[in-house]
């Protein structure tokens, strides 16, 4: 357990195991989830589960990565390349905050911090499938918006990172310190403020 050389093996029941693990992790969290419960929910033997995922942390990470990709794909499917910049940013901000404020997102964040010394690859993989994925998709959209003359941005990576951080405001700190998820009106207030500040900095007057 905890050996970073351990690898995931895919097989016929891989998706079945992943679906079962998602249900148990969302219900019980990482620490509370037992391999027995995951195997039972997935309808496989413990031997089959371990043949795919030799470490529970690897299984949790794979579930988290799938959740990140799903959220990003759903958001991207709702927007078009020609959609107004502020509209896309508002949608992206809502999704960023929604995942970060979710119980699953908070559990993943805490586990990455707690396991950073023993399992540093966990944080790296989560970053690549979460924040870095969001940044990449924002950069691709903003590149097209720059070409259309709607925004003026020299450093697209920095601008995407700035927007993601603006969406956190005080919401992230309150969540990680156990003060609970923000009310919808507060999330809306923060996201709208992030969009307004971003457009004030990078928007082209009169565009759109």
Protein backbone atom coordinates (compact mmCIF):
# COMPACT_ATOMS: atom_id res chain seq x y z
CA UNK A 1 0.00 0.00 0.00
CA UNK A 2 1.23 3.50 -0.86
CA UNK A 3 3.83 2.28 -3.41
CA UNK A 4 3.78 4.81 -6.22
CA UNK A 5 5.01 2.14 -8.64
CA UNK A 6 1.64 0.41 -8.36
CA UNK A 7 -0.38 0.73 -11.52
CA UNK A 8 -4.01 0.43 -12.54
CA UNK A 9 -4.89 -2.48 -14.79
CA UNK A 10 -7.92 -2.20 -17.03
CA UNK A 11 -10.15 -5.13 -17.79
CA UNK A 12 -13.67 -6.18 -18.72
CA UNK A 13 -15.18 -5.14 -15.36
CA UNK A 14 -13.15 -1.95 -14.94
CA UNK A 15 -16.08 0.43 -15.48
CA UNK A 16 -18.25 -1.73 -13.23
CA UNK A 17 -15.70 -1.43 -10.42
CA UNK A 18 -15.41 2.31 -10.98
CA UNK A 19 -19.18 2.82 -10.81
CA UNK A 20 -19.46 0.84 -7.60
CA UNK A 21 -16.56 2.71 -6.03
CA UNK A 22 -18.12 6.06 -6.93
CA UNK A 23 -21.31 5.16 -5.06
CA UNK A 24 -19.46 4.05 -1.94
CA UNK A 25 -16.98 6.94 -1.88
CA UNK A 26 -19.78 9.47 -2.27
CA UNK A 27 -21.72 7.74 0.50
CA UNK A 28 -18.94 7.04 2.99
CA UNK A 29 -15.96 9.17 1.98
CA UNK A 30 -12.46 7.85 1.48
CA UNK A 31 -11.70 6.77 5.03
CA UNK A 32 -15.14 5.25 5.64
CA UNK A 33 -15.28 3.31 2.38
CA UNK A 34 -14.36 -0.34 2.76
CA UNK A 35 -13.05 -2.56 -0.01
CA UNK A 36 -15.72 -5.10 0.92
CA UNK A 37 -18.50 -2.55 0.38
CA UNK A 38 -16.99 -1.37 -2.90
CA UNK A 39 -16.69 -4.92 -4.22
CA UNK A 40 -20.26 -5.71 -3.14
CA UNK A 41 -21.64 -2.55 -4.78
CA UNK A 42 -19.70 -3.25 -7.97
CA UNK A 43 -20.79 -6.89 -8.03
CA UNK A 44 -17.23 -8.24 -8.20
CA UNK A 45 -14.94 -10.21 -5.94
CA UNK A 46 -12.27 -8.50 -3.84
CA UNK A 47 -9.68 -10.35 -5.90
CA UNK A 48 -11.04 -8.78 -9.09
CA UNK A 49 -11.09 -5.35 -7.49
CA UNK A 50 -7.50 -5.65 -6.30
CA UNK A 51 -6.41 -6.94 -9.69
CA UNK A 52 -7.50 -3.60 -11.16
CA UNK A 53 -6.65 -1.32 -8.25
CA UNK A 54 -3.94 -2.58 -5.83
CA UNK A 55 -4.39 0.52 -3.63
CA UNK A 56 -7.64 2.14 -2.48
CA UNK A 57 -6.11 5.56 -3.06
CA UNK A 58 -5.59 4.71 -6.73
CA UNK A 59 -9.24 3.73 -6.99
CA UNK A 60 -10.39 6.94 -5.31
CA UNK A 61 -8.16 8.97 -7.59
CA UNK A 62 -9.56 7.29 -10.69
CA UNK A 63 -13.09 8.05 -9.50
CA UNK A 64 -12.11 11.67 -8.83
CA UNK A 65 -10.52 12.03 -12.27
CA UNK A 66 -13.65 10.64 -13.88
CA UNK A 67 -15.78 13.13 -11.92
CA UNK A 68 -13.57 16.01 -13.02
CA UNK A 69 -13.74 14.98 -16.66
CA UNK A 70 -17.49 14.50 -16.47
CA UNK A 71 -18.03 17.98 -15.00
CA UNK A 72 -15.75 19.56 -17.59
CA UNK A 73 -17.41 17.69 -20.46
CA UNK A 74 -20.89 18.67 -19.28
CA UNK A 75 -19.91 22.33 -19.07
CA UNK A 76 -18.22 22.28 -22.47
CA UNK A 77 -21.25 20.64 -24.07
CA UNK A 78 -23.44 23.54 -22.94
CA UNK A 79 -21.42 26.23 -24.69
CA UNK A 80 -20.42 26.99 -28.25
CA UNK A 81 -17.17 28.44 -29.51
CA UNK A 82 -19.00 31.63 -30.50
CA UNK A 83 -20.83 32.15 -27.20
CA UNK A 84 -20.27 35.53 -25.48
CA UNK A 85 -17.20 35.52 -23.23
CA UNK A 86 -19.08 36.64 -20.12
CA UNK A 87 -21.66 33.88 -20.60
CA UNK A 88 -18.99 31.20 -20.90
CA UNK A 89 -17.08 32.53 -17.90
CA UNK A 90 -20.24 32.59 -15.81
CA UNK A 91 -20.98 28.97 -16.66
CA UNK A 92 -17.37 27.93 -16.07
CA UNK A 93 -17.33 29.76 -12.74
CA UNK A 94 -20.50 28.03 -11.57
CA UNK A 95 -19.00 24.64 -12.42
CA UNK A 96 -15.66 25.44 -10.78
CA UNK A 97 -17.35 26.53 -7.57
CA UNK A 98 -19.88 23.70 -7.71
CA UNK A 99 -17.22 21.00 -7.79
CA UNK A 100 -14.97 22.72 -5.24
CA UNK A 101 -17.90 23.12 -2.83
CA UNK A 102 -19.20 19.60 -3.31
CA UNK A 103 -18.66 16.99 -0.62
CA UNK A 104 -16.67 14.88 -3.07
CA UNK A 105 -14.47 17.81 -4.14
CA UNK A 106 -13.72 18.68 -0.53
CA UNK A 107 -12.87 15.07 0.34
CA UNK A 108 -10.52 14.88 -2.61
CA UNK A 109 -8.80 18.12 -1.63
CA UNK A 110 -8.32 17.01 1.97
CA UNK A 111 -7.01 13.62 0.93
CA UNK A 112 -4.46 15.14 -1.46
CA UNK A 113 -3.18 17.35 1.37
CA UNK A 114 -3.14 14.52 3.93
CA UNK A 115 -1.39 12.09 1.60
CA UNK A 116 1.03 14.55 -0.01
CA UNK A 117 4.11 13.14 1.73
CA UNK A 118 3.35 9.45 1.36
CA UNK A 119 1.65 9.59 -2.03
CA UNK A 120 2.69 12.77 -3.92
CA UNK A 121 1.56 11.33 -7.25
CA UNK A 122 -2.02 11.59 -5.99
CA UNK A 123 -1.95 15.39 -5.90
CA UNK A 124 -0.20 15.60 -9.26
CA UNK A 125 -2.74 13.37 -10.96
CA UNK A 126 -5.69 15.21 -9.42
CA UNK A 127 -4.25 18.56 -10.46
CA UNK A 128 -3.80 17.35 -14.03
CA UNK A 129 -7.37 16.03 -14.25
CA UNK A 130 -8.92 18.95 -12.37
CA UNK A 131 -7.45 22.49 -12.31
CA UNK A 132 -5.14 21.90 -15.27
CA UNK A 133 -7.96 20.44 -17.36
CA UNK A 134 -10.18 23.43 -16.60
CA UNK A 135 -7.35 25.81 -17.45
CA UNK A 136 -6.71 24.09 -20.77
CA UNK A 137 -10.33 24.31 -21.84
CA UNK A 138 -10.61 27.93 -20.77
CA UNK A 139 -7.43 28.79 -22.65
CA UNK A 140 -8.76 27.19 -25.84
CA UNK A 141 -11.97 29.20 -25.62
CA UNK A 142 -10.19 32.45 -24.75
CA UNK A 143 -7.78 31.98 -27.67
CA UNK A 144 -10.77 32.05 -30.02
CA UNK A 145 -12.28 35.03 -28.19
CA UNK A 146 -8.99 36.92 -28.62
CA UNK A 147 -9.03 36.13 -32.35
CA UNK A 148 -12.57 37.53 -32.55
CA UNK A 149 -11.44 40.72 -30.84
CA UNK A 150 -13.71 40.27 -27.80
CA UNK A 151 -10.88 40.22 -25.26
CA UNK A 152 -7.26 41.31 -25.26
CA UNK A 153 -5.02 38.86 -23.38
CA UNK A 154 -1.25 38.46 -23.65
CA UNK A 155 -0.84 35.60 -21.16
CA UNK A 156 -3.74 33.19 -21.62
CA UNK A 157 -2.59 30.70 -18.97
CA UNK A 158 -2.32 33.45 -16.37
CA UNK A 159 -5.72 34.87 -17.28
CA UNK A 160 -7.38 31.45 -16.95
CA UNK A 161 -5.70 30.88 -13.58
CA UNK A 162 -6.74 34.32 -12.39
CA UNK A 163 -10.37 33.65 -13.24
CA UNK A 164 -10.37 30.32 -11.40
CA UNK A 165 -8.90 31.98 -8.30
CA UNK A 166 -11.38 34.86 -8.46
CA UNK A 167 -14.19 32.32 -8.35
CA UNK A 168 -12.90 30.95 -5.05
CA UNK A 169 -12.82 34.29 -3.20
CA UNK A 170 -13.74 33.39 0.41
CA UNK A 171 -15.75 30.34 -0.61
CA UNK A 172 -12.80 27.93 -0.69
CA UNK A 173 -11.41 28.97 2.70
CA UNK A 174 -14.79 28.68 4.37
CA UNK A 175 -15.29 25.20 2.92
CA UNK A 176 -11.89 23.76 3.86
CA UNK A 177 -12.17 25.11 7.40
CA UNK A 178 -15.45 23.30 7.85
CA UNK A 179 -17.79 26.29 7.76
CA UNK A 180 -20.02 24.62 5.21
CA UNK A 181 -20.94 25.16 1.58
CA UNK A 182 -21.99 28.63 0.53
CA UNK A 183 -25.62 29.48 -0.17
CA UNK A 184 -26.56 29.73 -3.88
CA UNK A 185 -26.94 33.51 -3.62
CA UNK A 186 -23.39 33.80 -2.29
CA UNK A 187 -22.01 31.61 -5.05
CA UNK A 188 -23.82 33.75 -7.61
CA UNK A 189 -22.43 36.91 -6.02
CA UNK A 190 -18.86 35.61 -6.15
CA UNK A 191 -19.08 34.27 -9.70
CA UNK A 192 -20.70 37.43 -11.03
CA UNK A 193 -17.98 39.47 -9.34
CA UNK A 194 -15.28 37.26 -10.91
CA UNK A 195 -16.77 37.68 -14.37
CA UNK A 196 -17.10 41.44 -13.94
CA UNK A 197 -13.50 41.81 -12.76
CA UNK A 198 -12.15 39.59 -15.53
CA UNK A 199 -14.01 41.51 -18.22
CA UNK A 200 -12.94 44.84 -16.72
CA UNK A 201 -9.32 43.74 -17.05
CA UNK A 202 -9.41 41.90 -20.39
CA UNK A 203 -12.61 42.87 -22.17
CA UNK A 204 -12.49 45.05 -25.29
CA UNK A 205 -14.79 48.03 -25.02
CA UNK A 206 -17.64 47.84 -27.52
CA UNK A 207 -16.97 44.21 -28.48
CA UNK A 208 -20.02 41.93 -28.63
